[in-house]
Amino acid sequence: MSNIQTLPLEDIMGERFGRYSKYIIQERALPDIRDGLKPVQRRILYSMNKDGNTFDKAYRKSAKSVGNVMGNFHPHGDSSIYDAMIRLSQDWKMLEPLIEMHGNNGSMDGDPPAAMRYTE
């Protein structure tokens, strides 16, 4: 009474990769039609608001905000969170920047932003 099936590897990989790629496109890669934000961007803004990191308060180190997001909402690595945070602060990438940063957040010419420990 065994439920083990013998299937070609190509069929299994094709079906599983199809499911995985659909998940990636729908849940992570494409912005939501309602607000234009990707899930990581929404988590950053939610975490900053929840922590009281709002426009009327003093600046906080980016590393602290990234750590809060990673610890509470998005456990996928700090570089992806910081990159998304930088993008939210760049006026040449966003029609209206949603985060105001102090420090080097890159340039339109492709210069990279400073490390998160140097920006606020």
PDB file of N, CA and C in Angstrom:
ATOM      1  N   MET A   1       0.850  -1.178   0.000  1.00  0.00           N
ATOM      2  CA  MET A   1       0.000   0.000   0.000  1.00  0.00           C
ATOM      3  C   MET A   1       0.890   1.233   0.000  1.00  0.00           C
ATOM      4  N   SER A   2       1.591   1.451  -1.071  1.00  0.00           N
ATOM      5  CA  SER A   2       2.510   2.581  -1.174  1.00  0.00           C
ATOM      6  C   SER A   2       1.940   3.656  -2.092  1.00  0.00           C
ATOM      7  N   ASN A   3       2.092   4.900  -1.682  1.00  0.00           N
ATOM      8  CA  ASN A   3       1.626   6.029  -2.491  1.00  0.00           C
ATOM      9  C   ASN A   3       2.762   6.686  -3.257  1.00  0.00           C
ATOM     10  N   ILE A   4       3.862   6.013  -3.404  1.00  0.00           N
ATOM     11  CA  ILE A   4       5.009   6.562  -4.119  1.00  0.00           C
ATOM     12  C   ILE A   4       4.748   6.467  -5.609  1.00  0.00           C
ATOM     13  N   GLN A   5       4.915   7.594  -6.284  1.00  0.00           N
ATOM     14  CA  GLN A   5       4.710   7.650  -7.729  1.00  0.00           C
ATOM     15  C   GLN A   5       6.050   7.858  -8.417  1.00  0.00           C
ATOM     16  N   THR A   6       6.195   7.268  -9.568  1.00  0.00           N
ATOM     17  CA  THR A   6       7.387   7.473 -10.371  1.00  0.00           C
ATOM     18  C   THR A   6       7.020   8.425 -11.501  1.00  0.00           C
ATOM     19  N   LEU A   7       7.609   9.626 -11.462  1.00  0.00           N
ATOM     20  CA  LEU A   7       7.318  10.652 -12.462  1.00  0.00           C
ATOM     21  C   LEU A   7       8.623  11.175 -13.047  1.00  0.00           C
ATOM     22  N   PRO A   8       8.586  11.624 -14.290  1.00  0.00           N
ATOM     23  CA  PRO A   8       9.799  12.208 -14.885  1.00  0.00           C
ATOM     24  C   PRO A   8      10.195  13.498 -14.155  1.00  0.00           C
ATOM     25  N   LEU A   9      11.476  13.674 -13.965  1.00  0.00           N
ATOM     26  CA  LEU A   9      11.990  14.850 -13.265  1.00  0.00           C
ATOM     27  C   LEU A   9      11.581  16.148 -13.969  1.00  0.00           C
ATOM     28  N   GLU A  10      11.551  16.136 -15.301  1.00  0.00           N
ATOM     29  CA  GLU A  10      11.182  17.339 -16.054  1.00  0.00           C
ATOM     30  C   GLU A  10       9.765  17.794 -15.713  1.00  0.00           C
ATOM     31  N   ASP A  11       8.846  16.846 -15.558  1.00  0.00           N
ATOM     32  CA  ASP A  11       7.464  17.198 -15.226  1.00  0.00           C
ATOM     33  C   ASP A  11       7.367  17.798 -13.827  1.00  0.00           C
ATOM     34  N   ILE A  12       8.046  17.182 -12.891  1.00  0.00           N
ATOM     35  CA  ILE A  12       8.004  17.665 -11.507  1.00  0.00           C
ATOM     36  C   ILE A  12       8.611  19.062 -11.410  1.00  0.00           C
ATOM     37  N   MET A  13       9.796  19.239 -11.994  1.00  0.00           N
ATOM     38  CA  MET A  13      10.471  20.538 -11.919  1.00  0.00           C
ATOM     39  C   MET A  13       9.665  21.616 -12.631  1.00  0.00           C
ATOM     40  N   GLY A  14       9.095  21.290 -13.780  1.00  0.00           N
ATOM     41  CA  GLY A  14       8.292  22.273 -14.509  1.00  0.00           C
ATOM     42  C   GLY A  14       7.085  22.730 -13.710  1.00  0.00           C
ATOM     43  N   GLU A  15       6.400  21.798 -13.100  1.00  0.00           N
ATOM     44  CA  GLU A  15       5.197  22.144 -12.330  1.00  0.00           C
ATOM     45  C   GLU A  15       5.553  22.917 -11.062  1.00  0.00           C
ATOM     46  N   ARG A  16       6.576  22.474 -10.343  1.00  0.00           N
ATOM     47  CA  ARG A  16       6.967  23.149  -9.099  1.00  0.00           C
ATOM     48  C   ARG A  16       7.533  24.537  -9.374  1.00  0.00           C
ATOM     49  N   PHE A  17       8.352  24.657 -10.419  1.00  0.00           N
ATOM     50  CA  PHE A  17       8.903  25.967 -10.741  1.00  0.00           C
ATOM     51  C   PHE A  17       7.803  26.914 -11.194  1.00  0.00           C
ATOM     52  N   GLY A  18       6.818  26.390 -11.897  1.00  0.00           N
ATOM     53  CA  GLY A  18       5.678  27.221 -12.302  1.00  0.00           C
ATOM     54  C   GLY A  18       4.945  27.783 -11.102  1.00  0.00           C
ATOM     55  N   ARG A  19       4.695  26.957 -10.107  1.00  0.00           N
ATOM     56  CA  ARG A  19       4.033  27.426  -8.879  1.00  0.00           C
ATOM     57  C   ARG A  19       4.874  28.464  -8.149  1.00  0.00           C
ATOM     58  N   TYR A  20       6.164  28.173  -8.039  1.00  0.00           N
ATOM     59  CA  TYR A  20       7.067  29.092  -7.334  1.00  0.00           C
ATOM     60  C   TYR A  20       7.157  30.436  -8.053  1.00  0.00           C
ATOM     61  N   SER A  21       7.313  30.421  -9.364  1.00  0.00           N
ATOM     62  CA  SER A  21       7.442  31.681 -10.093  1.00  0.00           C
ATOM     63  C   SER A  21       6.151  32.489 -10.034  1.00  0.00           C
ATOM     64  N   LYS A  22       5.010  31.829 -10.050  1.00  0.00           N
ATOM     65  CA  LYS A  22       3.735  32.542  -9.908  1.00  0.00           C
ATOM     66  C   LYS A  22       3.661  33.217  -8.541  1.00  0.00           C
ATOM     67  N   TYR A  23       4.093  32.529  -7.502  1.00  0.00           N
ATOM     68  CA  TYR A  23       4.114  33.118  -6.158  1.00  0.00           C
ATOM     69  C   TYR A  23       5.034  34.336  -6.112  1.00  0.00           C
ATOM     70  N   ILE A  24       6.230  34.204  -6.678  1.00  0.00           N
ATOM     71  CA  ILE A  24       7.192  35.310  -6.658  1.00  0.00           C
ATOM     72  C   ILE A  24       6.618  36.525  -7.374  1.00  0.00           C
ATOM     73  N   ILE A  25       6.044  36.321  -8.537  1.00  0.00           N
ATOM     74  CA  ILE A  25       5.502  37.439  -9.307  1.00  0.00           C
ATOM     75  C   ILE A  25       4.332  38.080  -8.583  1.00  0.00           C
ATOM     76  N   GLN A  26       3.432  37.289  -8.051  1.00  0.00           N
ATOM     77  CA  GLN A  26       2.229  37.840  -7.435  1.00  0.00           C
ATOM     78  C   GLN A  26       2.477  38.414  -6.049  1.00  0.00           C
ATOM     79  N   GLU A  27       3.318  37.782  -5.263  1.00  0.00           N
ATOM     80  CA  GLU A  27       3.452  38.167  -3.865  1.00  0.00           C
ATOM     81  C   GLU A  27       4.665  39.028  -3.552  1.00  0.00           C
ATOM     82  N   ARG A  28       5.687  39.053  -4.417  1.00  0.00           N
ATOM     83  CA  ARG A  28       6.902  39.773  -4.052  1.00  0.00           C
ATOM     84  C   ARG A  28       7.379  40.749  -5.108  1.00  0.00           C
ATOM     85  N   ALA A  29       7.381  40.351  -6.367  1.00  0.00           N
ATOM     86  CA  ALA A  29       8.072  41.142  -7.375  1.00  0.00           C
ATOM     87  C   ALA A  29       7.256  42.310  -7.913  1.00  0.00           C
ATOM     88  N   LEU A  30       5.978  42.128  -8.105  1.00  0.00           N
ATOM     89  CA  LEU A  30       5.167  43.178  -8.713  1.00  0.00           C
ATOM     90  C   LEU A  30       4.513  44.062  -7.664  1.00  0.00           C
ATOM     91  N   PRO A  31       4.485  45.360  -7.923  1.00  0.00           N
ATOM     92  CA  PRO A  31       3.785  46.253  -6.991  1.00  0.00           C
ATOM     93  C   PRO A  31       2.285  45.982  -6.981  1.00  0.00           C
ATOM     94  N   ASP A  32       1.669  46.262  -5.856  1.00  0.00           N
ATOM     95  CA  ASP A  32       0.226  46.105  -5.699  1.00  0.00           C
ATOM     96  C   ASP A  32      -0.483  47.207  -6.476  1.00  0.00           C
ATOM     97  N   ILE A  33      -1.550  46.876  -7.156  1.00  0.00           N
ATOM     98  CA  ILE A  33      -2.282  47.839  -7.972  1.00  0.00           C
ATOM     99  C   ILE A  33      -2.928  48.923  -7.116  1.00  0.00           C
ATOM    100  N   ARG A  34      -3.242  48.620  -5.862  1.00  0.00           N
ATOM    101  CA  ARG A  34      -3.950  49.582  -5.007  1.00  0.00           C
ATOM    102  C   ARG A  34      -3.093  50.774  -4.619  1.00  0.00           C
ATOM    103  N   ASP A  35      -1.817  50.546  -4.313  1.00  0.00           N
ATOM    104  CA  ASP A  35      -0.978  51.654  -3.858  1.00  0.00           C
ATOM    105  C   ASP A  35       0.369  51.742  -4.565  1.00  0.00           C
ATOM    106  N   GLY A  36       0.689  50.792  -5.428  1.00  0.00           N
ATOM    107  CA  GLY A  36       1.950  50.827  -6.159  1.00  0.00           C
ATOM    108  C   GLY A  36       3.156  50.386  -5.353  1.00  0.00           C
ATOM    109  N   LEU A  37       2.939  49.841  -4.166  1.00  0.00           N
ATOM    110  CA  LEU A  37       4.049  49.429  -3.310  1.00  0.00           C
ATOM    111  C   LEU A  37       4.261  47.922  -3.360  1.00  0.00           C
ATOM    112  N   LYS A  38       5.520  47.526  -3.270  1.00  0.00           N
ATOM    113  CA  LYS A  38       5.847  46.117  -3.112  1.00  0.00           C
ATOM    114  C   LYS A  38       5.691  45.762  -1.635  1.00  0.00           C
ATOM    115  N   PRO A  39       5.540  44.483  -1.317  1.00  0.00           N
ATOM    116  CA  PRO A  39       5.365  44.104   0.089  1.00  0.00           C
ATOM    117  C   PRO A  39       6.475  44.596   1.012  1.00  0.00           C
ATOM    118  N   VAL A  40       7.731  44.555   0.573  1.00  0.00           N
ATOM    119  CA  VAL A  40       8.813  45.018   1.446  1.00  0.00           C
ATOM    120  C   VAL A  40       8.687  46.514   1.710  1.00  0.00           C
ATOM    121  N   GLN A  41       8.272  47.278   0.708  1.00  0.00           N
ATOM    122  CA  GLN A  41       8.103  48.721   0.905  1.00  0.00           C
ATOM    123  C   GLN A  41       6.967  49.005   1.885  1.00  0.00           C
ATOM    124  N   ARG A  42       5.894  48.263   1.759  1.00  0.00           N
ATOM    125  CA  ARG A  42       4.763  48.436   2.672  1.00  0.00           C
ATOM    126  C   ARG A  42       5.174  48.078   4.098  1.00  0.00           C
ATOM    127  N   ARG A  43       5.974  47.029   4.251  1.00  0.00           N
ATOM    128  CA  ARG A  43       6.437  46.627   5.581  1.00  0.00           C
ATOM    129  C   ARG A  43       7.364  47.678   6.190  1.00  0.00           C
ATOM    130  N   ILE A  44       8.198  48.297   5.374  1.00  0.00           N
ATOM    131  CA  ILE A  44       9.085  49.354   5.863  1.00  0.00           C
ATOM    132  C   ILE A  44       8.267  50.519   6.395  1.00  0.00           C
ATOM    133  N   LEU A  45       7.318  50.990   5.610  1.00  0.00           N
ATOM    134  CA  LEU A  45       6.507  52.137   6.028  1.00  0.00           C
ATOM    135  C   LEU A  45       5.680  51.811   7.270  1.00  0.00           C
ATOM    136  N   TYR A  46       5.130  50.606   7.320  1.00  0.00           N
ATOM    137  CA  TYR A  46       4.340  50.201   8.488  1.00  0.00           C
ATOM    138  C   TYR A  46       5.208  50.150   9.738  1.00  0.00           C
ATOM    139  N   SER A  47       6.382  49.556   9.615  1.00  0.00           N
ATOM    140  CA  SER A  47       7.282  49.427  10.758  1.00  0.00           C
ATOM    141  C   SER A  47       7.746  50.794  11.251  1.00  0.00           C
ATOM    142  N   MET A  48       8.086  51.682  10.325  1.00  0.00           N
ATOM    143  CA  MET A  48       8.533  53.017  10.723  1.00  0.00           C
ATOM    144  C   MET A  48       7.408  53.771  11.431  1.00  0.00           C
ATOM    145  N   ASN A  49       6.200  53.642  10.942  1.00  0.00           N
ATOM    146  CA  ASN A  49       5.061  54.303  11.576  1.00  0.00           C
ATOM    147  C   ASN A  49       4.791  53.707  12.960  1.00  0.00           C
ATOM    148  N   LYS A  50       4.843  52.384  13.040  1.00  0.00           N
ATOM    149  CA  LYS A  50       4.588  51.702  14.314  1.00  0.00           C
ATOM    150  C   LYS A  50       5.621  52.078  15.373  1.00  0.00           C
ATOM    151  N   ASP A  51       6.871  52.283  14.937  1.00  0.00           N
ATOM    152  CA  ASP A  51       7.942  52.654  15.863  1.00  0.00           C
ATOM    153  C   ASP A  51       7.963  54.149  16.173  1.00  0.00           C
ATOM    154  N   GLY A  52       7.046  54.900  15.588  1.00  0.00           N
ATOM    155  CA  GLY A  52       7.002  56.338  15.837  1.00  0.00           C
ATOM    156  C   GLY A  52       8.016  57.122  15.033  1.00  0.00           C
ATOM    157  N   ASN A  53       8.567  56.519  14.000  1.00  0.00           N
ATOM    158  CA  ASN A  53       9.547  57.181  13.140  1.00  0.00           C
ATOM    159  C   ASN A  53       8.787  57.941  12.052  1.00  0.00           C
ATOM    160  N   THR A  54       8.280  59.117  12.404  1.00  0.00           N
ATOM    161  CA  THR A  54       7.453  59.914  11.497  1.00  0.00           C
ATOM    162  C   THR A  54       8.163  61.214  11.143  1.00  0.00           C
ATOM    163  N   PHE A  55       7.578  61.958  10.228  1.00  0.00           N
ATOM    164  CA  PHE A  55       8.212  63.157   9.683  1.00  0.00           C
ATOM    165  C   PHE A  55       8.482  64.235  10.731  1.00  0.00           C
ATOM    166  N   ASP A  56       7.728  64.267  11.787  1.00  0.00           N
ATOM    167  CA  ASP A  56       7.863  65.322  12.789  1.00  0.00           C
ATOM    168  C   ASP A  56       8.838  64.967  13.920  1.00  0.00           C
ATOM    169  N   LYS A  57       9.495  63.832  13.819  1.00  0.00           N
ATOM    170  CA  LYS A  57      10.438  63.384  14.850  1.00  0.00           C
ATOM    171  C   LYS A  57      11.873  63.490  14.324  1.00  0.00           C
ATOM    172  N   ALA A  58      12.822  63.312  15.218  1.00  0.00           N
ATOM    173  CA  ALA A  58      14.239  63.334  14.834  1.00  0.00           C
ATOM    174  C   ALA A  58      14.567  62.130  13.949  1.00  0.00           C
ATOM    175  N   TYR A  59      15.616  62.267  13.157  1.00  0.00           N
ATOM    176  CA  TYR A  59      16.046  61.170  12.287  1.00  0.00           C
ATOM    177  C   TYR A  59      16.607  60.031  13.125  1.00  0.00           C
ATOM    178  N   ARG A  60      16.467  58.807  12.586  1.00  0.00           N
ATOM    179  CA  ARG A  60      17.040  57.612  13.219  1.00  0.00           C
ATOM    180  C   ARG A  60      17.978  56.947  12.230  1.00  0.00           C
ATOM    181  N   LYS A  61      18.920  56.227  12.745  1.00  0.00           N
ATOM    182  CA  LYS A  61      19.842  55.497  11.876  1.00  0.00           C
ATOM    183  C   LYS A  61      19.069  54.498  11.022  1.00  0.00           C
ATOM    184  N   SER A  62      19.471  54.407   9.762  1.00  0.00           N
ATOM    185  CA  SER A  62      18.817  53.471   8.848  1.00  0.00           C
ATOM    186  C   SER A  62      18.971  52.038   9.327  1.00  0.00           C
ATOM    187  N   ALA A  63      20.113  51.729   9.931  1.00  0.00           N
ATOM    188  CA  ALA A  63      20.348  50.366  10.409  1.00  0.00           C
ATOM    189  C   ALA A  63      19.317  49.962  11.458  1.00  0.00           C
ATOM    190  N   LYS A  64      18.891  50.910  12.289  1.00  0.00           N
ATOM    191  CA  LYS A  64      17.881  50.603  13.300  1.00  0.00           C
ATOM    192  C   LYS A  64      16.539  50.297  12.643  1.00  0.00           C
ATOM    193  N   SER A  65      16.158  51.112  11.667  1.00  0.00           N
ATOM    194  CA  SER A  65      14.895  50.865  10.966  1.00  0.00           C
ATOM    195  C   SER A  65      14.931  49.542  10.215  1.00  0.00           C
ATOM    196  N   VAL A  66      16.052  49.265   9.554  1.00  0.00           N
ATOM    197  CA  VAL A  66      16.194  47.999   8.822  1.00  0.00           C
ATOM    198  C   VAL A  66      16.106  46.823   9.787  1.00  0.00           C
ATOM    199  N   GLY A  67      16.760  46.927  10.935  1.00  0.00           N
ATOM    200  CA  GLY A  67      16.708  45.854  11.931  1.00  0.00           C
ATOM    201  C   GLY A  67      15.308  45.612  12.451  1.00  0.00           C
ATOM    202  N   ASN A  68      14.554  46.687  12.682  1.00  0.00           N
ATOM    203  CA  ASN A  68      13.172  46.531  13.142  1.00  0.00           C
ATOM    204  C   ASN A  68      12.309  45.844  12.095  1.00  0.00           C
ATOM    205  N   VAL A  69      12.471  46.231  10.839  1.00  0.00           N
ATOM    206  CA  VAL A  69      11.690  45.599   9.766  1.00  0.00           C
ATOM    207  C   VAL A  69      12.061  44.131   9.648  1.00  0.00           C
ATOM    208  N   MET A  70      13.360  43.845   9.653  1.00  0.00           N
ATOM    209  CA  MET A  70      13.806  42.460   9.494  1.00  0.00           C
ATOM    210  C   MET A  70      13.381  41.603  10.682  1.00  0.00           C
ATOM    211  N   GLY A  71      13.452  42.149  11.872  1.00  0.00           N
ATOM    212  CA  GLY A  71      13.106  41.378  13.057  1.00  0.00           C
ATOM    213  C   GLY A  71      11.624  41.119  13.217  1.00  0.00           C
ATOM    214  N   ASN A  72      10.800  42.038  12.748  1.00  0.00           N
ATOM    215  CA  ASN A  72       9.364  41.926  12.997  1.00  0.00           C
ATOM    216  C   ASN A  72       8.515  41.532  11.795  1.00  0.00           C
ATOM    217  N   PHE A  73       8.941  41.900  10.587  1.00  0.00           N
ATOM    218  CA  PHE A  73       8.031  41.740   9.457  1.00  0.00           C
ATOM    219  C   PHE A  73       8.621  41.095   8.213  1.00  0.00           C
ATOM    220  N   HIS A  74       9.924  41.187   7.985  1.00  0.00           N
ATOM    221  CA  HIS A  74      10.484  40.773   6.698  1.00  0.00           C
ATOM    222  C   HIS A  74      11.832  40.083   6.906  1.00  0.00           C
ATOM    223  N   PRO A  75      11.848  38.822   7.331  1.00  0.00           N
ATOM    224  CA  PRO A  75      13.110  38.143   7.650  1.00  0.00           C
ATOM    225  C   PRO A  75      13.837  37.610   6.415  1.00  0.00           C
ATOM    226  N   HIS A  76      14.149  38.493   5.464  1.00  0.00           N
ATOM    227  CA  HIS A  76      14.781  38.040   4.220  1.00  0.00           C
ATOM    228  C   HIS A  76      16.137  38.668   3.972  1.00  0.00           C
ATOM    229  N   GLY A  77      16.732  39.285   4.949  1.00  0.00           N
ATOM    230  CA  GLY A  77      18.053  39.877   4.766  1.00  0.00           C
ATOM    231  C   GLY A  77      18.003  41.387   4.755  1.00  0.00           C
ATOM    232  N   ASP A  78      19.050  41.984   5.304  1.00  0.00           N
ATOM    233  CA  ASP A  78      19.041  43.431   5.466  1.00  0.00           C
ATOM    234  C   ASP A  78      19.280  44.195   4.172  1.00  0.00           C
ATOM    235  N   SER A  79      20.011  43.633   3.227  1.00  0.00           N
ATOM    236  CA  SER A  79      20.320  44.391   2.011  1.00  0.00           C
ATOM    237  C   SER A  79      19.078  44.654   1.169  1.00  0.00           C
ATOM    238  N   SER A  80      18.171  43.695   1.078  1.00  0.00           N
ATOM    239  CA  SER A  80      16.951  43.932   0.295  1.00  0.00           C
ATOM    240  C   SER A  80      16.071  44.984   0.957  1.00  0.00           C
ATOM    241  N   ILE A  81      16.047  44.996   2.279  1.00  0.00           N
ATOM    242  CA  ILE A  81      15.255  45.997   3.000  1.00  0.00           C
ATOM    243  C   ILE A  81      15.877  47.376   2.825  1.00  0.00           C
ATOM    244  N   TYR A  82      17.193  47.470   2.973  1.00  0.00           N
ATOM    245  CA  TYR A  82      17.864  48.766   2.835  1.00  0.00           C
ATOM    246  C   TYR A  82      17.735  49.299   1.410  1.00  0.00           C
ATOM    247  N   ASP A  83      17.881  48.429   0.415  1.00  0.00           N
ATOM    248  CA  ASP A  83      17.720  48.858  -0.978  1.00  0.00           C
ATOM    249  C   ASP A  83      16.323  49.413  -1.226  1.00  0.00           C
ATOM    250  N   ALA A  84      15.314  48.757  -0.676  1.00  0.00           N
ATOM    251  CA  ALA A  84      13.940  49.246  -0.832  1.00  0.00           C
ATOM    252  C   ALA A  84      13.750  50.572  -0.105  1.00  0.00           C
ATOM    253  N   MET A  85      14.366  50.718   1.058  1.00  0.00           N
ATOM    254  CA  MET A  85      14.267  51.969   1.811  1.00  0.00           C
ATOM    255  C   MET A  85      14.928  53.112   1.039  1.00  0.00           C
ATOM    256  N   ILE A  86      16.079  52.841   0.454  1.00  0.00           N
ATOM    257  CA  ILE A  86      16.768  53.849  -0.354  1.00  0.00           C
ATOM    258  C   ILE A  86      15.891  54.270  -1.526  1.00  0.00           C
ATOM    259  N   ARG A  87      15.303  53.298  -2.202  1.00  0.00           N
ATOM    260  CA  ARG A  87      14.449  53.609  -3.352  1.00  0.00           C
ATOM    261  C   ARG A  87      13.275  54.501  -2.946  1.00  0.00           C
ATOM    262  N   LEU A  88      12.712  54.259  -1.769  1.00  0.00           N
ATOM    263  CA  LEU A  88      11.596  55.080  -1.296  1.00  0.00           C
ATOM    264  C   LEU A  88      12.022  56.515  -1.001  1.00  0.00           C
ATOM    265  N   SER A  89      13.325  56.767  -0.873  1.00  0.00           N
ATOM    266  CA  SER A  89      13.806  58.113  -0.560  1.00  0.00           C
ATOM    267  C   SER A  89      14.336  58.862  -1.782  1.00  0.00           C
ATOM    268  N   GLN A  90      14.436  58.211  -2.920  1.00  0.00           N
ATOM    269  CA  GLN A  90      15.033  58.831  -4.101  1.00  0.00           C
ATOM    270  C   GLN A  90      13.967  59.525  -4.944  1.00  0.00           C
ATOM    271  N   ASP A  91      14.108  60.846  -5.084  1.00  0.00           N
ATOM    272  CA  ASP A  91      13.096  61.602  -5.820  1.00  0.00           C
ATOM    273  C   ASP A  91      13.154  61.364  -7.322  1.00  0.00           C
ATOM    274  N   TRP A  92      14.218  60.793  -7.848  1.00  0.00           N
ATOM    275  CA  TRP A  92      14.280  60.477  -9.268  1.00  0.00           C
ATOM    276  C   TRP A  92      13.709  59.093  -9.578  1.00  0.00           C
ATOM    277  N   LYS A  93      13.387  58.329  -8.550  1.00  0.00           N
ATOM    278  CA  LYS A  93      12.754  57.023  -8.761  1.00  0.00           C
ATOM    279  C   LYS A  93      11.302  57.011  -8.326  1.00  0.00           C
ATOM    280  N   MET A  94      10.963  57.841  -7.353  1.00  0.00           N
ATOM    281  CA  MET A  94       9.586  57.921  -6.853  1.00  0.00           C
ATOM    282  C   MET A  94       9.026  59.290  -7.230  1.00  0.00           C
ATOM    283  N   LEU A  95       7.784  59.328  -7.670  1.00  0.00           N
ATOM    284  CA  LEU A  95       7.148  60.609  -7.971  1.00  0.00           C
ATOM    285  C   LEU A  95       7.128  61.486  -6.728  1.00  0.00           C
ATOM    286  N   GLU A  96       6.770  60.899  -5.615  1.00  0.00           N
ATOM    287  CA  GLU A  96       6.810  61.558  -4.309  1.00  0.00           C
ATOM    288  C   GLU A  96       7.585  60.651  -3.357  1.00  0.00           C
ATOM    289  N   PRO A  97       8.799  61.029  -2.958  1.00  0.00           N
ATOM    290  CA  PRO A  97       9.543  60.192  -2.009  1.00  0.00           C
ATOM    291  C   PRO A  97       8.753  60.008  -0.715  1.00  0.00           C
ATOM    292  N   LEU A  98       8.698  58.787  -0.235  1.00  0.00           N
ATOM    293  CA  LEU A  98       7.930  58.471   0.965  1.00  0.00           C
ATOM    294  C   LEU A  98       8.780  58.458   2.229  1.00  0.00           C
ATOM    295  N   ILE A  99      10.097  58.491   2.062  1.00  0.00           N
ATOM    296  CA  ILE A  99      11.019  58.524   3.196  1.00  0.00           C
ATOM    297  C   ILE A  99      12.012  59.656   2.952  1.00  0.00           C
ATOM    298  N   GLU A 100      12.251  60.456   3.974  1.00  0.00           N
ATOM    299  CA  GLU A 100      13.269  61.502   3.890  1.00  0.00           C
ATOM    300  C   GLU A 100      14.499  61.006   4.627  1.00  0.00           C
ATOM    301  N   MET A 101      15.634  61.018   3.936  1.00  0.00           N
ATOM    302  CA  MET A 101      16.863  60.490   4.531  1.00  0.00           C
ATOM    303  C   MET A 101      17.922  61.568   4.621  1.00  0.00           C
ATOM    304  N   HIS A 102      18.799  61.440   5.600  1.00  0.00           N
ATOM    305  CA  HIS A 102      20.010  62.239   5.709  1.00  0.00           C
ATOM    306  C   HIS A 102      21.164  61.345   5.323  1.00  0.00           C
ATOM    307  N   GLY A 103      22.067  61.875   4.543  1.00  0.00           N
ATOM    308  CA  GLY A 103      23.219  61.092   4.126  1.00  0.00           C
ATOM    309  C   GLY A 103      23.145  60.783   2.646  1.00  0.00           C
ATOM    310  N   ASN A 104      24.118  60.052   2.183  1.00  0.00           N
ATOM    311  CA  ASN A 104      24.226  59.723   0.771  1.00  0.00           C
ATOM    312  C   ASN A 104      23.262  58.591   0.427  1.00  0.00           C
ATOM    313  N   ASN A 105      22.227  58.916  -0.333  1.00  0.00           N
ATOM    314  CA  ASN A 105      21.296  57.863  -0.751  1.00  0.00           C
ATOM    315  C   ASN A 105      21.425  57.569  -2.239  1.00  0.00           C
ATOM    316  N   GLY A 106      22.626  57.720  -2.769  1.00  0.00           N
ATOM    317  CA  GLY A 106      22.875  57.419  -4.166  1.00  0.00           C
ATOM    318  C   GLY A 106      22.670  58.639  -5.037  1.00  0.00           C
ATOM    319  N   SER A 107      22.817  58.436  -6.345  1.00  0.00           N
ATOM    320  CA  SER A 107      22.608  59.536  -7.278  1.00  0.00           C
ATOM    321  C   SER A 107      21.945  59.016  -8.543  1.00  0.00           C
ATOM    322  N   MET A 108      21.461  59.964  -9.332  1.00  0.00           N
ATOM    323  CA  MET A 108      20.820  59.625 -10.590  1.00  0.00           C
ATOM    324  C   MET A 108      21.812  58.995 -11.572  1.00  0.00           C
ATOM    325  N   ASP A 109      23.101  59.277 -11.379  1.00  0.00           N
ATOM    326  CA  ASP A 109      24.146  58.764 -12.266  1.00  0.00           C
ATOM    327  C   ASP A 109      24.539  57.331 -11.956  1.00  0.00           C
ATOM    328  N   GLY A 110      23.942  56.740 -10.940  1.00  0.00           N
ATOM    329  CA  GLY A 110      24.231  55.352 -10.607  1.00  0.00           C
ATOM    330  C   GLY A 110      25.210  55.168  -9.470  1.00  0.00           C
ATOM    331  N   ASP A 111      25.605  56.259  -8.815  1.00  0.00           N
ATOM    332  CA  ASP A 111      26.486  56.117  -7.652  1.00  0.00           C
ATOM    333  C   ASP A 111      25.735  55.385  -6.548  1.00  0.00           C
ATOM    334  N   PRO A 112      26.376  54.438  -5.886  1.00  0.00           N
ATOM    335  CA  PRO A 112      25.666  53.667  -4.849  1.00  0.00           C
ATOM    336  C   PRO A 112      25.444  54.495  -3.587  1.00  0.00           C
ATOM    337  N   PRO A 113      24.437  54.154  -2.820  1.00  0.00           N
ATOM    338  CA  PRO A 113      24.222  54.843  -1.540  1.00  0.00           C
ATOM    339  C   PRO A 113      25.274  54.424  -0.519  1.00  0.00           C
ATOM    340  N   ALA A 114      25.403  55.238   0.519  1.00  0.00           N
ATOM    341  CA  ALA A 114      26.313  54.898   1.611  1.00  0.00           C
ATOM    342  C   ALA A 114      25.760  53.698   2.374  1.00  0.00           C
ATOM    343  N   ALA A 115      26.606  53.064   3.144  1.00  0.00           N
ATOM    344  CA  ALA A 115      26.165  51.936   3.973  1.00  0.00           C
ATOM    345  C   ALA A 115      25.129  52.415   4.979  1.00  0.00           C
ATOM    346  N   MET A 116      24.272  51.510   5.402  1.00  0.00           N
ATOM    347  CA  MET A 116      23.159  51.909   6.271  1.00  0.00           C
ATOM    348  C   MET A 116      23.620  52.479   7.604  1.00  0.00           C
ATOM    349  N   ARG A 117      24.816  52.149   8.033  1.00  0.00           N
ATOM    350  CA  ARG A 117      25.287  52.684   9.311  1.00  0.00           C
ATOM    351  C   ARG A 117      25.635  54.164   9.215  1.00  0.00           C
ATOM    352  N   TYR A 118      25.751  54.706   7.986  1.00  0.00           N
ATOM    353  CA  TYR A 118      26.085  56.113   7.809  1.00  0.00           C
ATOM    354  C   TYR A 118      24.885  56.987   7.479  1.00  0.00           C
ATOM    355  N   THR A 119      23.755  56.421   7.208  1.00  0.00           N
ATOM    356  CA  THR A 119      22.588  57.212   6.805  1.00  0.00           C
ATOM    357  C   THR A 119      21.542  57.206   7.904  1.00  0.00           C
ATOM    358  N   GLU A 120      20.708  58.226   7.860  1.00  0.00           N
ATOM    359  CA  GLU A 120      19.620  58.342   8.832  1.00  0.00           C
ATOM    360  C   GLU A 120      18.318  58.519   8.094  1.00  0.00           C
TER     361      GLU A 120
END
